[in-house]
């Protein structure tokens, strides 16, 4: 993961380096087909029919009436990483399937709940599950998917089953903690940068780190390489969040699908903003951003300028570079073969959307 700097941009919309084409590991192939069959089997076996109906809809397999759609949803980055980590530890694709299924179930459990908490009415171009099936049943469907994830690991006839289940539970708890902190930040004016980095690490990094190490843990790898792979994923998760936060303020609308300054309009306590709010001389920024009245369009532009002047943009770029460097060092220390190492790097490039 050779760390090339995130290119410095002049003031104005941030144009992202074009994201790499989806790596081969994320495209439909025999490995993906095996994973999708295992995921369908787990959902069918573990979930109550009503919960299964909602899961099939959310995963894109069926319409609201339960009729098959033939859709194959998502890029499946997390399960691909889980399968890769099993192979990196000397296991087979079959060894990694329970880990891939478990991580994808937890990810989708979080998406079901996120859509409710955020009030989002569309996901992947159609109505979110809670708008179709109601909030109570959708919450329960998410809960059922989380429980099925643990069962997928504990039922696996592999030496690391219990250890893998513990890692997944810990990562899930951290993800929930990070989401809770993110919600709490909306009502606080005193969020520190340390708190914000910890929140992003828990909310975004924990599950990605788990994905990068879960297959290896399940296959019975030694603790040291498992921890290195987990750290690699956590650093990549934070780098992704930093880049996403930069795009949320200065992103090119043609690439992001959002207005310039989208995160500022909703007063998101993103990493560049919190860095700027805690910088010396940020009185004007704090007065504008932390007041209760909505921001006008000229004020949104002024806030973006103030965040940049206070160093929030440069700090986020430098921190993303630092995390990318740290991720490469963790991967180099994991002692895995060249082929899976290069696949990890390829997937990391895809996740972060920058050259490594």
Protein backbone atom coordinates (compact mmCIF):
# COMPACT_ATOMS: atom_id res chain seq x y z
CA UNK A 1 0.00 0.00 0.00
CA UNK A 2 2.45 2.67 -1.07
CA UNK A 3 0.94 5.82 0.43
CA UNK A 4 0.50 8.45 -2.21
CA UNK A 5 -0.75 11.66 -0.72
CA UNK A 6 -4.35 12.67 -1.10
CA UNK A 7 -3.90 15.36 -3.75
CA UNK A 8 -4.20 18.88 -2.42
CA UNK A 9 -6.98 20.80 -4.12
CA UNK A 10 -7.59 24.51 -4.51
CA UNK A 11 -10.56 26.02 -2.72
CA UNK A 12 -13.85 24.89 -4.19
CA UNK A 13 -15.37 21.46 -4.89
CA UNK A 14 -13.10 18.55 -4.13
CA UNK A 15 -12.69 16.26 -7.11
CA UNK A 16 -11.89 12.75 -6.01
CA UNK A 17 -9.32 10.67 -7.77
CA UNK A 18 -11.45 8.31 -9.83
CA UNK A 19 -12.25 5.24 -7.75
CA UNK A 20 -10.58 2.08 -9.01
CA UNK A 21 -12.66 -0.39 -10.92
CA UNK A 22 -14.17 -3.00 -8.63
CA UNK A 23 -11.48 -5.63 -8.08
CA UNK A 24 -11.97 -9.07 -9.48
CA UNK A 25 -12.71 -10.47 -6.03
CA UNK A 26 -15.86 -8.36 -5.81
CA UNK A 27 -17.26 -9.30 -9.22
CA UNK A 28 -19.66 -12.19 -9.87
CA UNK A 29 -17.62 -15.41 -9.97
CA UNK A 30 -17.62 -18.85 -8.42
CA UNK A 31 -16.46 -17.50 -5.05
CA UNK A 32 -19.23 -14.94 -4.95
CA UNK A 33 -21.76 -17.57 -6.00
CA UNK A 34 -20.64 -19.83 -3.14
CA UNK A 35 -20.97 -16.97 -0.68
CA UNK A 36 -24.43 -15.96 -1.90
CA UNK A 37 -25.64 -19.56 -1.65
CA UNK A 38 -24.31 -19.78 1.92
CA UNK A 39 -25.93 -16.45 2.86
CA UNK A 40 -29.29 -17.55 1.44
CA UNK A 41 -29.04 -20.83 3.32
CA UNK A 42 -28.29 -19.05 6.61
CA UNK A 43 -31.14 -16.57 6.19
CA UNK A 44 -33.53 -19.36 5.23
CA UNK A 45 -32.52 -21.59 8.13
CA UNK A 46 -32.07 -19.06 10.92
CA UNK A 47 -34.79 -16.44 10.41
CA UNK A 48 -38.49 -16.66 11.21
CA UNK A 49 -40.60 -16.47 8.00
CA UNK A 50 -41.69 -12.88 8.69
CA UNK A 51 -38.13 -11.77 9.40
CA UNK A 52 -36.92 -13.76 6.40
CA UNK A 53 -39.37 -11.87 4.16
CA UNK A 54 -37.94 -8.53 5.28
CA UNK A 55 -34.36 -9.76 4.94
CA UNK A 56 -35.00 -10.99 1.39
CA UNK A 57 -36.43 -7.59 0.48
CA UNK A 58 -33.60 -5.63 2.13
CA UNK A 59 -30.93 -7.80 0.51
CA UNK A 60 -32.50 -7.23 -2.90
CA UNK A 61 -33.53 -10.82 -3.46
CA UNK A 62 -37.30 -10.18 -3.50
CA UNK A 63 -39.84 -7.40 -3.91
CA UNK A 64 -42.19 -6.27 -1.15
CA UNK A 65 -44.58 -9.12 -1.96
CA UNK A 66 -41.80 -11.70 -1.70
CA UNK A 67 -41.48 -12.31 -5.44
CA UNK A 68 -37.87 -13.04 -6.51
CA UNK A 69 -36.18 -10.13 -8.26
CA UNK A 70 -33.04 -11.80 -9.57
CA UNK A 71 -31.08 -8.87 -8.16
CA UNK A 72 -27.60 -9.39 -6.75
CA UNK A 73 -27.12 -6.62 -4.23
CA UNK A 74 -24.03 -4.71 -3.21
CA UNK A 75 -20.30 -4.95 -3.79
CA UNK A 76 -19.88 -7.39 -0.88
CA UNK A 77 -16.58 -5.87 0.23
CA UNK A 78 -16.78 -7.16 3.82
CA UNK A 79 -17.51 -10.80 2.99
CA UNK A 80 -14.86 -10.72 0.28
CA UNK A 81 -12.34 -9.54 2.88
CA UNK A 82 -13.44 -12.30 5.26
CA UNK A 83 -12.95 -14.96 2.58
CA UNK A 84 -9.58 -13.49 1.69
CA UNK A 85 -8.44 -13.54 5.32
CA UNK A 86 -9.25 -17.25 5.54
CA UNK A 87 -7.17 -17.93 2.43
CA UNK A 88 -4.37 -15.73 3.79
CA UNK A 89 -4.25 -17.98 6.86
CA UNK A 90 -3.95 -21.12 4.72
CA UNK A 91 -7.63 -22.02 4.80
CA UNK A 92 -9.99 -22.65 1.92
CA UNK A 93 -12.88 -20.60 0.59
CA UNK A 94 -15.20 -23.10 2.29
CA UNK A 95 -13.43 -22.42 5.61
CA UNK A 96 -14.09 -18.71 5.23
CA UNK A 97 -17.76 -18.91 4.22
CA UNK A 98 -19.21 -18.82 7.77
CA UNK A 99 -17.12 -15.70 8.50
CA UNK A 100 -18.24 -14.05 5.26
CA UNK A 101 -21.89 -14.82 6.01
CA UNK A 102 -21.59 -13.56 9.59
CA UNK A 103 -19.95 -10.25 8.69
CA UNK A 104 -22.51 -9.56 5.95
CA UNK A 105 -25.42 -10.30 8.29
CA UNK A 106 -24.06 -7.90 10.91
CA UNK A 107 -23.45 -5.23 8.27
CA UNK A 108 -27.02 -5.50 7.04
CA UNK A 109 -28.42 -5.56 10.57
CA UNK A 110 -26.72 -2.18 11.03
CA UNK A 111 -28.10 -0.85 7.74
CA UNK A 112 -31.67 -1.78 8.67
CA UNK A 113 -31.34 0.07 11.96
CA UNK A 114 -29.42 3.00 10.42
CA UNK A 115 -32.19 3.65 7.92
CA UNK A 116 -34.70 3.91 10.76
CA UNK A 117 -32.51 6.15 12.92
CA UNK A 118 -31.67 8.45 10.02
CA UNK A 119 -35.20 8.48 8.59
CA UNK A 120 -33.87 7.40 5.19
CA UNK A 121 -36.64 6.43 2.79
CA UNK A 122 -34.56 4.97 -0.06
CA UNK A 123 -31.64 2.58 -0.29
CA UNK A 124 -30.13 1.26 -3.53
CA UNK A 125 -32.85 2.93 -5.54
CA UNK A 126 -35.93 1.62 -3.75
CA UNK A 127 -37.92 2.12 -0.56
CA UNK A 128 -36.16 1.22 2.66
CA UNK A 129 -37.48 -1.78 4.57
CA UNK A 130 -38.95 0.19 7.46
CA UNK A 131 -41.10 2.28 5.08
CA UNK A 132 -42.52 -0.94 3.62
CA UNK A 133 -42.84 -3.24 6.62
CA UNK A 134 -42.98 -0.75 9.50
CA UNK A 135 -40.46 0.16 12.17
CA UNK A 136 -41.13 -2.63 14.74
CA UNK A 137 -40.82 -5.54 12.30
CA UNK A 138 -37.77 -4.01 10.63
CA UNK A 139 -35.99 -3.57 13.97
CA UNK A 140 -36.74 -7.20 14.77
CA UNK A 141 -35.47 -8.31 11.36
CA UNK A 142 -32.19 -6.55 12.08
CA UNK A 143 -32.00 -8.21 15.48
CA UNK A 144 -32.64 -11.60 13.88
CA UNK A 145 -29.83 -11.06 11.38
CA UNK A 146 -27.40 -10.16 14.17
CA UNK A 147 -28.31 -13.32 16.09
CA UNK A 148 -27.98 -15.43 12.92
CA UNK A 149 -24.48 -14.03 12.39
CA UNK A 150 -23.27 -15.43 15.70
CA UNK A 151 -24.91 -18.77 15.00
CA UNK A 152 -23.18 -18.96 11.61
CA UNK A 153 -19.81 -18.87 13.35
CA UNK A 154 -20.60 -21.08 16.32
CA UNK A 155 -22.06 -23.75 14.03
CA UNK A 156 -18.89 -23.86 11.90
CA UNK A 157 -16.89 -27.09 12.39
CA UNK A 158 -13.60 -25.20 12.56
CA UNK A 159 -11.02 -24.75 15.33
CA UNK A 160 -11.51 -21.00 15.66
CA UNK A 161 -15.33 -20.92 15.78
CA UNK A 162 -15.66 -19.67 19.36
CA UNK A 163 -12.78 -17.24 18.97
CA UNK A 164 -14.27 -15.85 15.76
CA UNK A 165 -17.68 -15.42 17.42
CA UNK A 166 -16.06 -13.46 20.24
CA UNK A 167 -14.28 -11.18 17.74
CA UNK A 168 -17.51 -10.54 15.87
CA UNK A 169 -19.41 -9.77 19.08
CA UNK A 170 -16.70 -7.33 20.19
CA UNK A 171 -16.67 -5.58 16.82
CA UNK A 172 -20.47 -5.34 16.81
CA UNK A 173 -20.47 -3.82 20.28
CA UNK A 174 -17.88 -1.27 19.16
CA UNK A 175 -19.90 -0.44 16.05
CA UNK A 176 -22.99 0.16 18.20
CA UNK A 177 -20.94 2.26 20.63
CA UNK A 178 -19.66 4.36 17.74
CA UNK A 179 -23.14 4.89 16.37
CA UNK A 180 -24.37 5.87 19.82
CA UNK A 181 -21.57 8.42 20.13
CA UNK A 182 -22.36 9.80 16.68
CA UNK A 183 -25.99 10.34 17.70
CA UNK A 184 -24.93 11.96 20.98
CA UNK A 185 -22.57 14.34 19.15
CA UNK A 186 -25.55 15.92 17.40
CA UNK A 187 -26.63 17.44 20.73
CA UNK A 188 -23.18 18.48 21.95
CA UNK A 189 -21.11 21.60 21.31
CA UNK A 190 -17.95 20.32 23.03
CA UNK A 191 -16.95 17.28 20.96
CA UNK A 192 -13.18 16.82 20.99
CA UNK A 193 -11.13 15.55 18.07
CA UNK A 194 -9.99 12.57 20.14
CA UNK A 195 -13.62 11.62 20.76
CA UNK A 196 -14.49 12.04 17.10
CA UNK A 197 -11.60 9.84 15.93
CA UNK A 198 -12.61 7.18 18.47
CA UNK A 199 -16.22 7.37 17.28
CA UNK A 200 -15.20 6.92 13.63
CA UNK A 201 -12.89 4.07 14.55
CA UNK A 202 -15.71 2.29 16.34
CA UNK A 203 -18.49 3.09 13.87
CA UNK A 204 -16.56 2.47 10.64
CA UNK A 205 -13.26 0.82 11.48
CA UNK A 206 -14.33 -1.93 13.88
CA UNK A 207 -16.41 -3.95 11.46
CA UNK A 208 -13.96 -3.52 8.58
CA UNK A 209 -11.13 -4.65 10.85
CA UNK A 210 -13.23 -7.63 11.87
CA UNK A 211 -13.90 -8.49 8.22
CA UNK A 212 -10.17 -8.49 7.46
CA UNK A 213 -9.38 -10.88 10.32
CA UNK A 214 -12.49 -13.00 10.90
CA UNK A 215 -11.79 -15.68 8.32
CA UNK A 216 -8.25 -16.08 9.60
CA UNK A 217 -9.45 -16.40 13.19
CA UNK A 218 -12.07 -18.95 12.16
CA UNK A 219 -9.47 -21.00 10.29
CA UNK A 220 -7.34 -21.17 13.44
CA UNK A 221 -4.54 -18.71 12.57
CA UNK A 222 -2.14 -17.60 15.30
CA UNK A 223 -3.15 -14.47 17.26
CA UNK A 224 -0.38 -12.20 15.91
CA UNK A 225 -1.31 -12.25 12.18
CA UNK A 226 -5.01 -12.07 13.07
CA UNK A 227 -4.41 -8.89 15.06
CA UNK A 228 -2.28 -7.43 12.25
CA UNK A 229 -5.03 -8.06 9.72
CA UNK A 230 -7.59 -6.51 12.07
CA UNK A 231 -5.42 -3.41 12.51
CA UNK A 232 -4.99 -3.16 8.73
CA UNK A 233 -8.77 -3.12 8.30
CA UNK A 234 -9.31 -0.58 11.06
CA UNK A 235 -6.82 1.85 9.54
CA UNK A 236 -8.45 1.41 6.12
CA UNK A 237 -11.85 2.06 7.71
CA UNK A 238 -10.66 5.33 9.22
CA UNK A 239 -8.98 6.39 5.97
CA UNK A 240 -12.27 5.71 4.18
CA UNK A 241 -14.18 7.78 6.74
CA UNK A 242 -11.77 10.70 6.41
CA UNK A 243 -12.04 10.70 2.62
CA UNK A 244 -15.83 10.39 2.87
CA UNK A 245 -15.96 13.34 5.27
CA UNK A 246 -13.83 15.46 2.92
CA UNK A 247 -16.14 14.63 0.04
CA UNK A 248 -19.14 15.45 2.23
CA UNK A 249 -17.94 19.06 2.33
CA UNK A 250 -15.93 19.64 -0.84
CA UNK A 251 -16.94 16.73 -3.07
CA UNK A 252 -17.82 17.13 -6.72
CA UNK A 253 -21.61 16.64 -6.95
CA UNK A 254 -21.19 14.71 -10.20
CA UNK A 255 -19.18 12.10 -8.29
CA UNK A 256 -20.82 12.11 -4.88
CA UNK A 257 -24.45 12.63 -5.90
CA UNK A 258 -24.69 15.30 -3.17
CA UNK A 259 -24.56 19.08 -3.13
CA UNK A 260 -21.27 20.73 -2.24
CA UNK A 261 -21.37 21.19 1.53
CA UNK A 262 -24.04 18.54 2.05
CA UNK A 263 -22.69 17.52 5.46
CA UNK A 264 -22.51 21.15 6.57
CA UNK A 265 -26.19 21.76 5.89
CA UNK A 266 -27.12 19.10 8.42
CA UNK A 267 -24.37 20.25 10.81
CA UNK A 268 -22.64 16.89 10.81
CA UNK A 269 -19.82 16.64 13.36
CA UNK A 270 -17.50 15.14 10.76
CA UNK A 271 -13.78 14.75 11.35
CA UNK A 272 -12.61 17.86 9.38
CA UNK A 273 -15.28 19.99 11.07
CA UNK A 274 -14.42 18.83 14.60
CA UNK A 275 -10.71 19.38 13.90
CA UNK A 276 -11.52 22.95 12.83
CA UNK A 277 -13.92 23.64 15.72
CA UNK A 278 -11.18 22.73 18.17
CA UNK A 279 -8.52 24.84 16.47
CA UNK A 280 -7.43 28.21 17.91
CA UNK A 281 -9.30 31.20 16.51
CA UNK A 282 -12.43 29.28 15.48
CA UNK A 283 -14.89 31.66 17.16
CA UNK A 284 -16.68 32.66 13.94
CA UNK A 285 -16.95 29.04 12.83
CA UNK A 286 -18.34 27.97 16.20
CA UNK A 287 -20.85 30.82 16.22
CA UNK A 288 -22.17 29.86 12.78
CA UNK A 289 -22.04 26.08 13.05
CA UNK A 290 -23.27 25.57 16.58
CA UNK A 291 -26.25 27.91 16.49
CA UNK A 292 -29.78 26.55 16.16
CA UNK A 293 -30.89 28.58 13.10
CA UNK A 294 -30.48 26.94 9.66
CA UNK A 295 -27.49 27.94 7.56
CA UNK A 296 -28.15 29.98 4.46
CA UNK A 297 -26.34 29.02 1.24
CA UNK A 298 -23.79 31.87 1.62
CA UNK A 299 -23.23 30.72 5.21
CA UNK A 300 -22.64 27.13 4.07
CA UNK A 301 -19.92 28.40 1.76
CA UNK A 302 -18.50 30.55 4.56
CA UNK A 303 -18.41 27.61 6.96
CA UNK A 304 -16.55 25.48 4.39
CA UNK A 305 -14.01 28.28 4.00
CA UNK A 306 -13.64 28.64 7.77
CA UNK A 307 -13.13 24.89 8.22
CA UNK A 308 -10.39 25.02 5.60
CA UNK A 309 -8.76 28.12 7.10
CA UNK A 310 -8.75 26.50 10.54
CA UNK A 311 -6.85 23.52 9.12
CA UNK A 312 -9.65 20.95 9.13
CA UNK A 313 -9.19 20.03 5.48
CA UNK A 314 -5.41 19.68 5.66
CA UNK A 315 -5.59 17.71 8.90
CA UNK A 316 -8.08 15.22 7.43
CA UNK A 317 -5.93 14.71 4.32
CA UNK A 318 -2.78 14.22 6.39
CA UNK A 319 -4.56 11.83 8.77
CA UNK A 320 -5.92 9.79 5.86
CA UNK A 321 -2.36 9.48 4.53
CA UNK A 322 -1.12 8.46 7.97
CA UNK A 323 -3.77 5.77 8.26
CA UNK A 324 -2.92 4.42 4.81
CA UNK A 325 0.76 4.22 5.78
CA UNK A 326 -0.13 2.48 9.05
CA UNK A 327 -2.38 0.02 7.21
CA UNK A 328 0.42 -1.00 4.89
CA UNK A 329 2.78 -1.48 7.81
CA UNK A 330 0.25 -3.72 9.55
CA UNK A 331 -0.21 -5.81 6.43
CA UNK A 332 3.54 -6.09 5.89
CA UNK A 333 3.86 -7.40 9.45
CA UNK A 334 1.14 -10.02 9.08
CA UNK A 335 3.48 -12.46 7.37
CA UNK A 336 1.04 -13.53 4.67
CA UNK A 337 1.89 -14.69 1.14
CA UNK A 338 2.29 -12.21 -1.70
CA UNK A 339 -0.89 -13.18 -3.56
CA UNK A 340 -3.39 -12.55 -0.73
CA UNK A 341 -1.39 -9.48 0.30
CA UNK A 342 -1.87 -7.96 -3.14
CA UNK A 343 -5.58 -8.80 -3.05
CA UNK A 344 -5.90 -7.02 0.31
CA UNK A 345 -4.21 -3.98 -1.22
CA UNK A 346 -6.48 -4.10 -4.26
CA UNK A 347 -9.57 -4.18 -2.05
CA UNK A 348 -8.16 -1.38 0.10
CA UNK A 349 -7.71 0.79 -2.98
CA UNK A 350 -11.31 0.11 -3.90
CA UNK A 351 -12.62 0.91 -0.40
CA UNK A 352 -10.69 4.15 0.04
CA UNK A 353 -10.88 5.25 -3.59
CA UNK A 354 -7.29 6.44 -3.68
CA UNK A 355 -3.98 5.08 -4.98
CA UNK A 356 -1.93 3.25 -2.39
